[in-house]
Amino acid sequence: ILAERIAPHTNRLAGVTALSLQNIESSVKELQRTAAQGFRAALLYPTVDGEMVADLPLMEPIYAKLSELGWPIFLHGAGSAKDPTLKRLEDGGVGVAYAVLSDAEISECVARMIASGVFDRYPDLRIVIRSSGGGLPLLLHRFFWKHKGPTGEQRYSDIFLEHFLIDCASSDGRTLAFLIDVMGEERIVFGSDYCGGLGALKKCLAAVDQQPSPDHVKSFTEKNSRRLLRI
């Protein structure tokens, strides 16, 4: 359905394949099928029923196929923690899950991927973290541990900066300025929470307009997105 709806607008729209990691074999087939329809990226949640799977050997076919296709991953936290103690909080703990646990899930996933050597095996893999990167840009100074890879030791922070980009979804002006400063211009892409819970497209556009040189931000985010999606 998605392919049919965007078909008249392929000059500005491309599909993203959302994967269910409950069935790895079928997910690999879905990547191949949607690639043939012009899709250009995959959306990934790092857990299955509350269990972190992004660093497990069972994920190798997914990473191998994405590397073969040259697709980036859009990494998203589910915000659906399974801890039964959340139920004792207001609204069943939903506010806690969305405010904190989604970002914690992403932060853990990123560190696990680095520590498990995913990028040793797939050096061209690129990943975009949603919603302004959650807390990760603030944690870079904590990524001082060194990964022991085939080419020697490398700080987690250096591996992170080599393979991860940040979108500006849900950013305000100050947050976007911080992201550009700490991550570097080459690692920022435009993003929005359009129709999502944290604000419409105009909020992200306003964050760009609040920068000292909005046109410059638009220029490098466009360049980064074109390089990421190979367009």
Protein backbone atom coordinates (compact mmCIF):
# COMPACT_ATOMS: atom_id res chain seq x y z
CA ILE A 1 0.00 0.00 0.00
CA LEU A 2 2.78 2.41 0.89
CA ALA A 3 4.60 1.71 -2.36
CA GLU A 4 1.43 2.37 -4.34
CA ARG A 5 0.73 5.65 -2.55
CA ILE A 6 4.20 7.11 -3.02
CA ALA A 7 4.65 5.85 -6.58
CA PRO A 8 3.42 9.14 -8.14
CA HIS A 9 5.80 11.13 -5.92
CA THR A 10 9.10 9.26 -6.07
CA ASN A 11 10.89 12.54 -6.82
CA ARG A 12 10.34 13.52 -3.16
CA LEU A 13 9.11 10.47 -1.22
CA ALA A 14 10.69 7.09 -0.53
CA GLY A 15 9.53 4.18 1.58
CA VAL A 16 11.04 2.94 4.82
CA THR A 17 10.67 -0.72 5.75
CA ALA A 18 9.63 -1.32 9.36
CA LEU A 19 11.02 -4.63 10.57
CA SER A 20 9.59 -7.11 13.05
CA LEU A 21 12.51 -8.86 14.72
CA GLN A 22 10.25 -11.65 15.89
CA ASN A 23 10.86 -13.31 12.52
CA ILE A 24 14.34 -12.63 11.17
CA GLU A 25 14.04 -14.77 8.04
CA SER A 26 10.83 -13.05 6.95
CA SER A 27 12.33 -9.64 7.76
CA VAL A 28 15.25 -10.32 5.42
CA LYS A 29 12.79 -11.29 2.69
CA GLU A 30 10.82 -8.12 3.33
CA LEU A 31 13.95 -6.02 2.93
CA GLN A 32 14.61 -7.62 -0.43
CA ARG A 33 10.98 -7.25 -1.54
CA THR A 34 10.69 -3.58 -0.60
CA ALA A 35 14.11 -2.75 -2.04
CA ALA A 36 12.74 -3.86 -5.39
CA GLN A 37 9.93 -1.31 -4.91
CA GLY A 38 12.35 1.56 -4.39
CA PHE A 39 12.43 1.73 -0.59
CA ARG A 40 15.64 3.16 0.84
CA ALA A 41 15.91 2.54 4.60
CA ALA A 42 14.80 0.33 7.48
CA LEU A 43 13.12 1.21 10.76
CA LEU A 44 14.30 -0.89 13.67
CA TYR A 45 13.25 -1.32 17.29
CA PRO A 46 16.07 -2.99 19.26
CA THR A 47 13.95 -5.19 21.54
CA VAL A 48 11.49 -8.04 21.17
CA ASP A 49 8.99 -8.41 24.01
CA GLY A 50 11.28 -6.38 26.24
CA GLU A 51 14.45 -8.35 25.44
CA MET A 52 17.39 -6.59 23.78
CA VAL A 53 18.25 -8.43 20.56
CA ALA A 54 20.22 -5.87 18.53
CA ASP A 55 23.54 -7.35 19.69
CA LEU A 56 22.63 -11.04 19.33
CA PRO A 57 23.98 -13.37 16.60
CA LEU A 58 20.43 -13.86 15.31
CA MET A 59 20.59 -10.30 13.94
CA GLU A 60 23.46 -11.06 11.56
CA PRO A 61 21.21 -11.79 8.53
CA ILE A 62 19.49 -8.41 9.02
CA TYR A 63 22.76 -6.48 9.21
CA ALA A 64 24.20 -8.41 6.29
CA LYS A 65 21.22 -7.64 4.06
CA LEU A 66 21.16 -3.96 5.05
CA SER A 67 24.87 -3.68 4.30
CA GLU A 68 24.35 -5.36 0.94
CA LEU A 69 21.56 -2.91 0.10
CA GLY A 70 23.49 0.08 1.44
CA TRP A 71 20.49 1.08 3.56
CA PRO A 72 20.69 3.08 6.78
CA ILE A 73 18.79 2.08 9.90
CA PHE A 74 16.40 4.47 11.61
CA LEU A 75 16.69 3.38 15.25
CA HIS A 76 13.68 3.97 17.48
CA GLY A 77 12.88 3.13 21.10
CA ALA A 78 9.61 1.33 21.69
CA GLY A 79 8.66 3.09 24.90
CA SER A 80 6.85 -0.06 25.96
CA ALA A 81 8.87 -1.33 28.91
CA LYS A 82 7.80 -4.65 30.39
CA ASP A 83 8.71 -3.90 34.00
CA PRO A 84 5.55 -4.81 35.99
CA THR A 85 6.32 -2.18 38.63
CA LEU A 86 5.39 0.53 36.13
CA LYS A 87 1.76 -0.37 36.67
CA ARG A 88 1.82 1.12 40.15
CA LEU A 89 2.45 4.56 38.63
CA GLU A 90 -0.09 6.94 37.15
CA ASP A 91 -1.34 5.97 33.70
CA GLY A 92 0.39 2.60 34.06
CA GLY A 93 3.80 4.24 33.85
CA VAL A 94 3.36 5.34 30.23
CA GLY A 95 4.78 8.77 30.99
CA VAL A 96 7.91 7.22 32.47
CA ALA A 97 8.31 4.84 29.54
CA TYR A 98 8.07 7.55 26.90
CA ALA A 99 10.04 10.19 28.80
CA VAL A 100 12.96 8.04 29.95
CA LEU A 101 12.87 4.34 29.14
CA SER A 102 12.77 4.72 25.34
CA ASP A 103 15.96 6.76 25.41
CA ALA A 104 17.57 4.38 27.88
CA GLU A 105 16.74 1.51 25.54
CA ILE A 106 18.39 3.27 22.62
CA SER A 107 21.47 4.19 24.64
CA GLU A 108 21.92 0.60 25.77
CA CYS A 109 21.37 -0.67 22.23
CA VAL A 110 24.05 1.62 20.79
CA ALA A 111 26.62 0.62 23.40
CA ARG A 112 25.82 -3.07 22.95
CA MET A 113 26.20 -2.85 19.17
CA ILE A 114 29.62 -1.26 19.59
CA ALA A 115 30.76 -3.69 22.29
CA SER A 116 29.59 -6.74 20.33
CA GLY A 117 31.58 -5.75 17.25
CA VAL A 118 28.68 -5.12 14.87
CA PHE A 119 30.67 -2.39 13.11
CA ASP A 120 33.76 -4.58 12.80
CA ARG A 121 31.69 -6.94 10.67
CA TYR A 122 29.66 -4.25 8.87
CA PRO A 123 31.92 -1.18 8.60
CA ASP A 124 29.62 0.63 6.16
CA LEU A 125 26.52 0.42 8.36
CA ARG A 126 24.99 3.80 9.20
CA ILE A 127 22.32 4.42 11.82
CA VAL A 128 20.12 7.45 12.47
CA ILE A 129 18.86 7.94 16.03
CA ARG A 130 15.45 9.54 16.31
CA SER A 131 14.20 12.45 18.40
CA SER A 132 17.45 14.41 18.65
CA GLY A 133 19.41 11.36 19.72
CA GLY A 134 17.72 11.05 23.09
CA GLY A 135 20.37 11.35 25.78
CA LEU A 136 23.26 9.98 23.74
CA PRO A 137 24.87 13.26 22.63
CA LEU A 138 25.07 14.20 26.32
CA LEU A 139 26.70 10.86 27.14
CA LEU A 140 29.57 11.01 24.67
CA HIS A 141 32.02 11.90 27.43
CA ARG A 142 31.01 8.63 29.11
CA PHE A 143 31.82 6.59 26.00
CA PHE A 144 35.50 6.41 26.99
CA TRP A 145 35.70 2.60 27.08
CA LYS A 146 37.77 1.10 24.30
CA HIS A 147 36.51 -1.55 21.91
CA LYS A 148 39.06 -4.23 21.05
CA GLY A 149 38.56 -4.63 17.31
CA PRO A 150 40.54 -6.32 14.53
CA THR A 151 42.49 -3.12 13.84
CA GLY A 152 43.24 -2.36 17.49
CA GLU A 153 41.55 -0.42 20.28
CA GLN A 154 39.11 2.39 19.59
CA ARG A 155 37.03 4.49 21.97
CA TYR A 156 33.30 3.83 21.95
CA SER A 157 32.79 7.55 21.30
CA ASP A 158 34.89 7.42 18.12
CA ILE A 159 32.97 4.41 16.82
CA PHE A 160 29.72 6.16 17.65
CA LEU A 161 30.70 9.26 15.70
CA GLU A 162 31.77 7.15 12.73
CA HIS A 163 28.52 5.21 12.36
CA PHE A 164 25.67 7.21 13.91
CA LEU A 165 23.77 10.29 12.85
CA ILE A 166 21.13 12.28 14.73
CA ASP A 167 17.87 13.66 13.41
CA CYS A 168 16.42 16.90 14.75
CA ALA A 169 12.92 15.62 15.47
CA SER A 170 11.45 17.32 18.54
CA SER A 171 14.41 19.70 18.84
CA ASP A 172 13.96 23.26 19.90
CA GLY A 173 16.45 25.88 18.75
CA ARG A 174 18.85 25.47 21.67
CA THR A 175 18.86 21.68 21.43
CA LEU A 176 19.57 21.75 17.71
CA ALA A 177 22.46 24.18 18.23
CA PHE A 178 23.89 21.83 20.85
CA LEU A 179 23.54 18.81 18.56
CA ILE A 180 25.35 20.57 15.72
CA ASP A 181 28.12 21.62 18.11
CA VAL A 182 28.70 18.25 19.79
CA MET A 183 28.03 15.92 16.84
CA GLY A 184 29.34 18.01 13.97
CA GLU A 185 27.45 19.21 10.92
CA GLU A 186 28.13 16.01 8.96
CA ARG A 187 26.14 13.93 11.47
CA ILE A 188 22.87 15.87 11.59
CA VAL A 189 19.89 15.15 9.36
CA PHE A 190 16.48 16.77 9.30
CA GLY A 191 13.67 14.93 11.02
CA SER A 192 10.25 15.64 12.45
CA ASP A 193 7.72 14.07 14.75
CA TYR A 194 5.04 14.87 12.23
CA CYS A 195 1.70 13.55 13.51
CA GLY A 196 3.52 12.23 16.57
CA GLY A 197 3.10 13.04 20.21
CA LEU A 198 5.82 15.67 20.54
CA GLY A 199 4.82 18.16 17.90
CA ALA A 200 4.12 18.73 14.23
CA LEU A 201 6.47 19.49 11.37
CA LYS A 202 6.42 23.23 12.07
CA LYS A 203 8.24 22.71 15.38
CA CYS A 204 11.29 21.24 13.63
CA LEU A 205 11.18 23.93 10.97
CA ALA A 206 11.12 26.56 13.73
CA ALA A 207 14.22 25.02 15.35
CA VAL A 208 16.09 25.38 12.07
CA ASP A 209 14.92 28.96 11.60
CA GLN A 210 16.25 29.84 15.07
CA GLN A 211 19.84 28.98 14.07
CA PRO A 212 22.28 31.81 13.21
CA SER A 213 22.27 30.66 9.57
CA PRO A 214 19.14 28.63 8.73
CA ASP A 215 20.08 28.30 5.08
CA HIS A 216 23.40 26.77 6.04
CA VAL A 217 21.64 24.22 8.28
CA LYS A 218 19.25 23.35 5.48
CA SER A 219 22.19 22.95 3.11
CA PHE A 220 24.20 20.50 5.20
CA THR A 221 21.18 18.49 6.38
CA GLU A 222 20.13 18.06 2.76
CA LYS A 223 23.64 17.01 1.79
CA ASN A 224 23.80 14.51 4.67
CA SER A 225 20.42 13.01 3.81
CA ARG A 226 21.28 12.63 0.14
CA ARG A 227 24.53 10.90 1.03
CA LEU A 228 22.81 8.67 3.59
CA LEU A 229 20.01 7.62 1.21
CA ARG A 230 22.21 7.61 -1.91
CA ILE A 231 20.12 10.08 -3.86
